[in-house]
Amino acid sequence: MLPAKDLLSRVEQYKPSGTDAWPKSARGFADVLRRIAPPLRQMGIECRRLGKQGSYGYWEISARENA
């Protein structure tokens, strides 16, 4: 369980060079996670928003057990 801000910082190293199609904020990253959750689920990856605590939205990303 991590805030979108921390998740974004962890995947930042995989950002393709010279692209503008990368989220610029934690909110933008959370929007992307929401949109890609269904295809990730089909691939066996569960991506769930757990709600907010303070000013952070928390997410959980894990491999699905029945995948």
PDB file of N, CA and C in Angstrom:
ATOM      1  N   MET A   1       0.844  -1.165   0.000  1.00  0.00           N
ATOM      2  CA  MET A   1       0.000   0.000   0.000  1.00  0.00           C
ATOM      3  C   MET A   1       0.898   1.239   0.000  1.00  0.00           C
ATOM      4  N   LEU A   2       0.829   1.976  -1.101  1.00  0.00           N
ATOM      5  CA  LEU A   2       1.660   3.173  -1.242  1.00  0.00           C
ATOM      6  C   LEU A   2       0.842   4.310  -1.826  1.00  0.00           C
ATOM      7  N   PRO A   3       1.214   5.534  -1.497  1.00  0.00           N
ATOM      8  CA  PRO A   3       0.570   6.670  -2.159  1.00  0.00           C
ATOM      9  C   PRO A   3       1.003   6.742  -3.629  1.00  0.00           C
ATOM     10  N   ALA A   4       0.155   7.302  -4.473  1.00  0.00           N
ATOM     11  CA  ALA A   4       0.467   7.439  -5.901  1.00  0.00           C
ATOM     12  C   ALA A   4       1.785   8.192  -6.093  1.00  0.00           C
ATOM     13  N   LYS A   5       2.070   9.143  -5.228  1.00  0.00           N
ATOM     14  CA  LYS A   5       3.316   9.911  -5.316  1.00  0.00           C
ATOM     15  C   LYS A   5       4.533   8.995  -5.210  1.00  0.00           C
ATOM     16  N   ASP A   6       4.501   8.055  -4.276  1.00  0.00           N
ATOM     17  CA  ASP A   6       5.622   7.121  -4.103  1.00  0.00           C
ATOM     18  C   ASP A   6       5.704   6.126  -5.259  1.00  0.00           C
ATOM     19  N   LEU A   7       4.542   5.661  -5.727  1.00  0.00           N
ATOM     20  CA  LEU A   7       4.539   4.749  -6.878  1.00  0.00           C
ATOM     21  C   LEU A   7       5.141   5.426  -8.101  1.00  0.00           C
ATOM     22  N   LEU A   8       4.757   6.677  -8.331  1.00  0.00           N
ATOM     23  CA  LEU A   8       5.296   7.422  -9.469  1.00  0.00           C
ATOM     24  C   LEU A   8       6.809   7.544  -9.367  1.00  0.00           C
ATOM     25  N   SER A   9       7.315   7.850  -8.191  1.00  0.00           N
ATOM     26  CA  SER A   9       8.771   7.988  -8.047  1.00  0.00           C
ATOM     27  C   SER A   9       9.491   6.658  -8.270  1.00  0.00           C
ATOM     28  N   ARG A  10       8.843   5.543  -7.933  1.00  0.00           N
ATOM     29  CA  ARG A  10       9.464   4.226  -8.149  1.00  0.00           C
ATOM     30  C   ARG A  10       9.538   3.839  -9.621  1.00  0.00           C
ATOM     31  N   VAL A  11       8.550   4.241 -10.418  1.00  0.00           N
ATOM     32  CA  VAL A  11       8.557   3.859 -11.837  1.00  0.00           C
ATOM     33  C   VAL A  11       9.189   4.927 -12.727  1.00  0.00           C
ATOM     34  N   GLU A  12       9.555   6.049 -12.156  1.00  0.00           N
ATOM     35  CA  GLU A  12      10.152   7.150 -12.922  1.00  0.00           C
ATOM     36  C   GLU A  12      11.400   6.710 -13.689  1.00  0.00           C
ATOM     37  N   GLN A  13      12.141   5.760 -13.144  1.00  0.00           N
ATOM     38  CA  GLN A  13      13.365   5.297 -13.801  1.00  0.00           C
ATOM     39  C   GLN A  13      13.085   4.585 -15.126  1.00  0.00           C
ATOM     40  N   TYR A  14      11.839   4.161 -15.344  1.00  0.00           N
ATOM     41  CA  TYR A  14      11.471   3.466 -16.579  1.00  0.00           C
ATOM     42  C   TYR A  14      10.893   4.409 -17.635  1.00  0.00           C
ATOM     43  N   LYS A  15      10.881   5.675 -17.346  1.00  0.00           N
ATOM     44  CA  LYS A  15      10.345   6.668 -18.284  1.00  0.00           C
ATOM     45  C   LYS A  15      11.178   6.669 -19.568  1.00  0.00           C
ATOM     46  N   PRO A  16      10.525   6.508 -20.718  1.00  0.00           N
ATOM     47  CA  PRO A  16      11.268   6.567 -21.979  1.00  0.00           C
ATOM     48  C   PRO A  16      11.837   7.975 -22.197  1.00  0.00           C
ATOM     49  N   SER A  17      13.036   8.045 -22.696  1.00  0.00           N
ATOM     50  CA  SER A  17      13.634   9.364 -22.921  1.00  0.00           C
ATOM     51  C   SER A  17      12.954  10.046 -24.103  1.00  0.00           C
ATOM     52  N   GLY A  18      12.799  11.339 -23.995  1.00  0.00           N
ATOM     53  CA  GLY A  18      12.237  12.136 -25.083  1.00  0.00           C
ATOM     54  C   GLY A  18      10.748  11.981 -25.282  1.00  0.00           C
ATOM     55  N   THR A  19      10.012  11.623 -24.229  1.00  0.00           N
ATOM     56  CA  THR A  19       8.562  11.468 -24.374  1.00  0.00           C
ATOM     57  C   THR A  19       7.818  12.508 -23.549  1.00  0.00           C
ATOM     58  N   ASP A  20       6.696  12.943 -24.066  1.00  0.00           N
ATOM     59  CA  ASP A  20       5.825  13.845 -23.314  1.00  0.00           C
ATOM     60  C   ASP A  20       4.630  13.084 -22.748  1.00  0.00           C
ATOM     61  N   ALA A  21       4.527  11.802 -23.069  1.00  0.00           N
ATOM     62  CA  ALA A  21       3.379  10.997 -22.673  1.00  0.00           C
ATOM     63  C   ALA A  21       3.605  10.317 -21.321  1.00  0.00           C
ATOM     64  N   TRP A  22       4.155  11.033 -20.370  1.00  0.00           N
ATOM     65  CA  TRP A  22       4.411  10.490 -19.037  1.00  0.00           C
ATOM     66  C   TRP A  22       3.718  11.384 -18.019  1.00  0.00           C
ATOM     67  N   PRO A  23       3.077  10.833 -17.019  1.00  0.00           N
ATOM     68  CA  PRO A  23       2.390  11.667 -16.019  1.00  0.00           C
ATOM     69  C   PRO A  23       3.353  12.650 -15.352  1.00  0.00           C
ATOM     70  N   LYS A  24       2.886  13.855 -15.182  1.00  0.00           N
ATOM     71  CA  LYS A  24       3.725  14.897 -14.585  1.00  0.00           C
ATOM     72  C   LYS A  24       3.456  15.090 -13.096  1.00  0.00           C
ATOM     73  N   SER A  25       2.406  14.435 -12.579  1.00  0.00           N
ATOM     74  CA  SER A  25       2.054  14.581 -11.173  1.00  0.00           C
ATOM     75  C   SER A  25       1.497  13.265 -10.643  1.00  0.00           C
ATOM     76  N   ALA A  26       1.400  13.186  -9.318  1.00  0.00           N
ATOM     77  CA  ALA A  26       0.821  12.000  -8.692  1.00  0.00           C
ATOM     78  C   ALA A  26      -0.640  11.848  -9.096  1.00  0.00           C
ATOM     79  N   ARG A  27      -1.354  12.939  -9.221  1.00  0.00           N
ATOM     80  CA  ARG A  27      -2.760  12.883  -9.641  1.00  0.00           C
ATOM     81  C   ARG A  27      -2.875  12.341 -11.066  1.00  0.00           C
ATOM     82  N   GLY A  28      -2.010  12.791 -11.960  1.00  0.00           N
ATOM     83  CA  GLY A  28      -1.998  12.281 -13.327  1.00  0.00           C
ATOM     84  C   GLY A  28      -1.656  10.798 -13.364  1.00  0.00           C
ATOM     85  N   PHE A  29      -0.728  10.380 -12.513  1.00  0.00           N
ATOM     86  CA  PHE A  29      -0.351   8.976 -12.438  1.00  0.00           C
ATOM     87  C   PHE A  29      -1.518   8.135 -11.919  1.00  0.00           C
ATOM     88  N   ALA A  30      -2.225   8.638 -10.908  1.00  0.00           N
ATOM     89  CA  ALA A  30      -3.391   7.931 -10.378  1.00  0.00           C
ATOM     90  C   ALA A  30      -4.467   7.795 -11.450  1.00  0.00           C
ATOM     91  N   ASP A  31      -4.652   8.815 -12.277  1.00  0.00           N
ATOM     92  CA  ASP A  31      -5.612   8.731 -13.384  1.00  0.00           C
ATOM     93  C   ASP A  31      -5.225   7.630 -14.364  1.00  0.00           C
ATOM     94  N   VAL A  32      -3.937   7.530 -14.655  1.00  0.00           N
ATOM     95  CA  VAL A  32      -3.448   6.478 -15.553  1.00  0.00           C
ATOM     96  C   VAL A  32      -3.694   5.106 -14.921  1.00  0.00           C
ATOM     97  N   LEU A  33      -3.398   4.963 -13.636  1.00  0.00           N
ATOM     98  CA  LEU A  33      -3.625   3.682 -12.963  1.00  0.00           C
ATOM     99  C   LEU A  33      -5.097   3.278 -13.033  1.00  0.00           C
ATOM    100  N   ARG A  34      -5.985   4.233 -12.849  1.00  0.00           N
ATOM    101  CA  ARG A  34      -7.420   3.946 -12.928  1.00  0.00           C
ATOM    102  C   ARG A  34      -7.813   3.452 -14.316  1.00  0.00           C
ATOM    103  N   ARG A  35      -7.251   4.081 -15.341  1.00  0.00           N
ATOM    104  CA  ARG A  35      -7.585   3.698 -16.726  1.00  0.00           C
ATOM    105  C   ARG A  35      -7.011   2.349 -17.123  1.00  0.00           C
ATOM    106  N   ILE A  36      -5.822   2.021 -16.626  1.00  0.00           N
ATOM    107  CA  ILE A  36      -5.195   0.765 -17.053  1.00  0.00           C
ATOM    108  C   ILE A  36      -5.509  -0.403 -16.119  1.00  0.00           C
ATOM    109  N   ALA A  37      -6.255  -0.185 -15.054  1.00  0.00           N
ATOM    110  CA  ALA A  37      -6.575  -1.268 -14.117  1.00  0.00           C
ATOM    111  C   ALA A  37      -7.269  -2.449 -14.794  1.00  0.00           C
ATOM    112  N   PRO A  38      -8.281  -2.244 -15.664  1.00  0.00           N
ATOM    113  CA  PRO A  38      -8.927  -3.408 -16.299  1.00  0.00           C
ATOM    114  C   PRO A  38      -7.976  -4.255 -17.155  1.00  0.00           C
ATOM    115  N   PRO A  39      -7.152  -3.650 -18.034  1.00  0.00           N
ATOM    116  CA  PRO A  39      -6.231  -4.502 -18.794  1.00  0.00           C
ATOM    117  C   PRO A  39      -5.183  -5.181 -17.900  1.00  0.00           C
ATOM    118  N   LEU A  40      -4.751  -4.504 -16.852  1.00  0.00           N
ATOM    119  CA  LEU A  40      -3.797  -5.127 -15.925  1.00  0.00           C
ATOM    120  C   LEU A  40      -4.438  -6.348 -15.266  1.00  0.00           C
ATOM    121  N   ARG A  41      -5.716  -6.212 -14.897  1.00  0.00           N
ATOM    122  CA  ARG A  41      -6.435  -7.321 -14.281  1.00  0.00           C
ATOM    123  C   ARG A  41      -6.466  -8.531 -15.214  1.00  0.00           C
ATOM    124  N   GLN A  42      -6.655  -8.286 -16.508  1.00  0.00           N
ATOM    125  CA  GLN A  42      -6.668  -9.384 -17.478  1.00  0.00           C
ATOM    126  C   GLN A  42      -5.298 -10.052 -17.584  1.00  0.00           C
ATOM    127  N   MET A  43      -4.263  -9.307 -17.261  1.00  0.00           N
ATOM    128  CA  MET A  43      -2.898  -9.853 -17.303  1.00  0.00           C
ATOM    129  C   MET A  43      -2.503 -10.494 -15.973  1.00  0.00           C
ATOM    130  N   GLY A  44      -3.407 -10.471 -14.986  1.00  0.00           N
ATOM    131  CA  GLY A  44      -3.114 -11.094 -13.701  1.00  0.00           C
ATOM    132  C   GLY A  44      -2.535 -10.153 -12.670  1.00  0.00           C
ATOM    133  N   ILE A  45      -2.681  -8.844 -12.883  1.00  0.00           N
ATOM    134  CA  ILE A  45      -2.159  -7.849 -11.941  1.00  0.00           C
ATOM    135  C   ILE A  45      -3.330  -7.055 -11.385  1.00  0.00           C
ATOM    136  N   GLU A  46      -3.465  -7.078 -10.076  1.00  0.00           N
ATOM    137  CA  GLU A  46      -4.546  -6.334  -9.417  1.00  0.00           C
ATOM    138  C   GLU A  46      -4.031  -4.945  -9.057  1.00  0.00           C
ATOM    139  N   CYS A  47      -4.763  -3.934  -9.442  1.00  0.00           N
ATOM    140  CA  CYS A  47      -4.397  -2.538  -9.195  1.00  0.00           C
ATOM    141  C   CYS A  47      -5.622  -1.862  -8.580  1.00  0.00           C
ATOM    142  N   ARG A  48      -5.566  -1.610  -7.261  1.00  0.00           N
ATOM    143  CA  ARG A  48      -6.738  -1.081  -6.570  1.00  0.00           C
ATOM    144  C   ARG A  48      -6.418   0.195  -5.816  1.00  0.00           C
ATOM    145  N   ARG A  49      -7.341   1.136  -5.893  1.00  0.00           N
ATOM    146  CA  ARG A  49      -7.237   2.342  -5.081  1.00  0.00           C
ATOM    147  C   ARG A  49      -7.867   2.030  -3.739  1.00  0.00           C
ATOM    148  N   LEU A  50      -7.144   2.302  -2.662  1.00  0.00           N
ATOM    149  CA  LEU A  50      -7.599   1.957  -1.330  1.00  0.00           C
ATOM    150  C   LEU A  50      -8.254   3.122  -0.602  1.00  0.00           C
ATOM    151  N   GLY A  51      -8.273   4.276  -1.231  1.00  0.00           N
ATOM    152  CA  GLY A  51      -8.864   5.451  -0.589  1.00  0.00           C
ATOM    153  C   GLY A  51      -7.796   6.456  -0.191  1.00  0.00           C
ATOM    154  N   LYS A  52      -8.253   7.493   0.477  1.00  0.00           N
ATOM    155  CA  LYS A  52      -7.351   8.573   0.870  1.00  0.00           C
ATOM    156  C   LYS A  52      -7.098   8.556   2.365  1.00  0.00           C
ATOM    157  N   GLN A  53      -5.881   8.945   2.715  1.00  0.00           N
ATOM    158  CA  GLN A  53      -5.506   9.225   4.090  1.00  0.00           C
ATOM    159  C   GLN A  53      -4.810  10.564   4.060  1.00  0.00           C
ATOM    160  N   GLY A  54      -5.412  11.536   4.664  1.00  0.00           N
ATOM    161  CA  GLY A  54      -4.860  12.881   4.582  1.00  0.00           C
ATOM    162  C   GLY A  54      -4.977  13.380   3.157  1.00  0.00           C
ATOM    163  N   SER A  55      -3.871  13.823   2.586  1.00  0.00           N
ATOM    164  CA  SER A  55      -3.905  14.351   1.222  1.00  0.00           C
ATOM    165  C   SER A  55      -3.390  13.343   0.192  1.00  0.00           C
ATOM    166  N   TYR A  56      -3.153  12.093   0.609  1.00  0.00           N
ATOM    167  CA  TYR A  56      -2.608  11.088  -0.302  1.00  0.00           C
ATOM    168  C   TYR A  56      -3.636  10.013  -0.631  1.00  0.00           C
ATOM    169  N   GLY A  57      -3.684   9.627  -1.904  1.00  0.00           N
ATOM    170  CA  GLY A  57      -4.498   8.495  -2.332  1.00  0.00           C
ATOM    171  C   GLY A  57      -3.620   7.257  -2.358  1.00  0.00           C
ATOM    172  N   TYR A  58      -4.031   6.226  -1.659  1.00  0.00           N
ATOM    173  CA  TYR A  58      -3.225   5.009  -1.553  1.00  0.00           C
ATOM    174  C   TYR A  58      -3.669   3.955  -2.557  1.00  0.00           C
ATOM    175  N   TRP A  59      -2.677   3.231  -3.086  1.00  0.00           N
ATOM    176  CA  TRP A  59      -2.903   2.196  -4.089  1.00  0.00           C
ATOM    177  C   TRP A  59      -2.223   0.919  -3.657  1.00  0.00           C
ATOM    178  N   GLU A  60      -2.783  -0.190  -4.119  1.00  0.00           N
ATOM    179  CA  GLU A  60      -2.171  -1.498  -3.910  1.00  0.00           C
ATOM    180  C   GLU A  60      -2.063  -2.173  -5.273  1.00  0.00           C
ATOM    181  N   ILE A  61      -0.890  -2.624  -5.611  1.00  0.00           N
ATOM    182  CA  ILE A  61      -0.655  -3.327  -6.868  1.00  0.00           C
ATOM    183  C   ILE A  61      -0.016  -4.664  -6.522  1.00  0.00           C
ATOM    184  N   SER A  62      -0.657  -5.752  -6.978  1.00  0.00           N
ATOM    185  CA  SER A  62      -0.156  -7.072  -6.649  1.00  0.00           C
ATOM    186  C   SER A  62      -0.543  -8.073  -7.716  1.00  0.00           C
ATOM    187  N   ALA A  63       0.131  -9.205  -7.715  1.00  0.00           N
ATOM    188  CA  ALA A  63      -0.227 -10.291  -8.624  1.00  0.00           C
ATOM    189  C   ALA A  63      -1.496 -10.942  -8.094  1.00  0.00           C
ATOM    190  N   ARG A  64      -2.411 -11.245  -9.007  1.00  0.00           N
ATOM    191  CA  ARG A  64      -3.645 -11.905  -8.581  1.00  0.00           C
ATOM    192  C   ARG A  64      -3.359 -13.361  -8.265  1.00  0.00           C
ATOM    193  N   GLU A  65      -4.015 -13.869  -7.234  1.00  0.00           N
ATOM    194  CA  GLU A  65      -3.761 -15.232  -6.782  1.00  0.00           C
ATOM    195  C   GLU A  65      -4.185 -16.276  -7.794  1.00  0.00           C
ATOM    196  N   ASN A  66      -5.283 -16.037  -8.515  1.00  0.00           N
ATOM    197  CA  ASN A  66      -5.784 -17.038  -9.455  1.00  0.00           C
ATOM    198  C   ASN A  66      -5.267 -16.836 -10.873  1.00  0.00           C
ATOM    199  N   ALA A  67      -4.231 -16.003 -11.032  1.00  0.00           N
ATOM    200  CA  ALA A  67      -3.697 -15.741 -12.379  1.00  0.00           C
ATOM    201  C   ALA A  67      -2.745 -16.838 -12.802  1.00  0.00           C
TER     202      ALA A  67
END
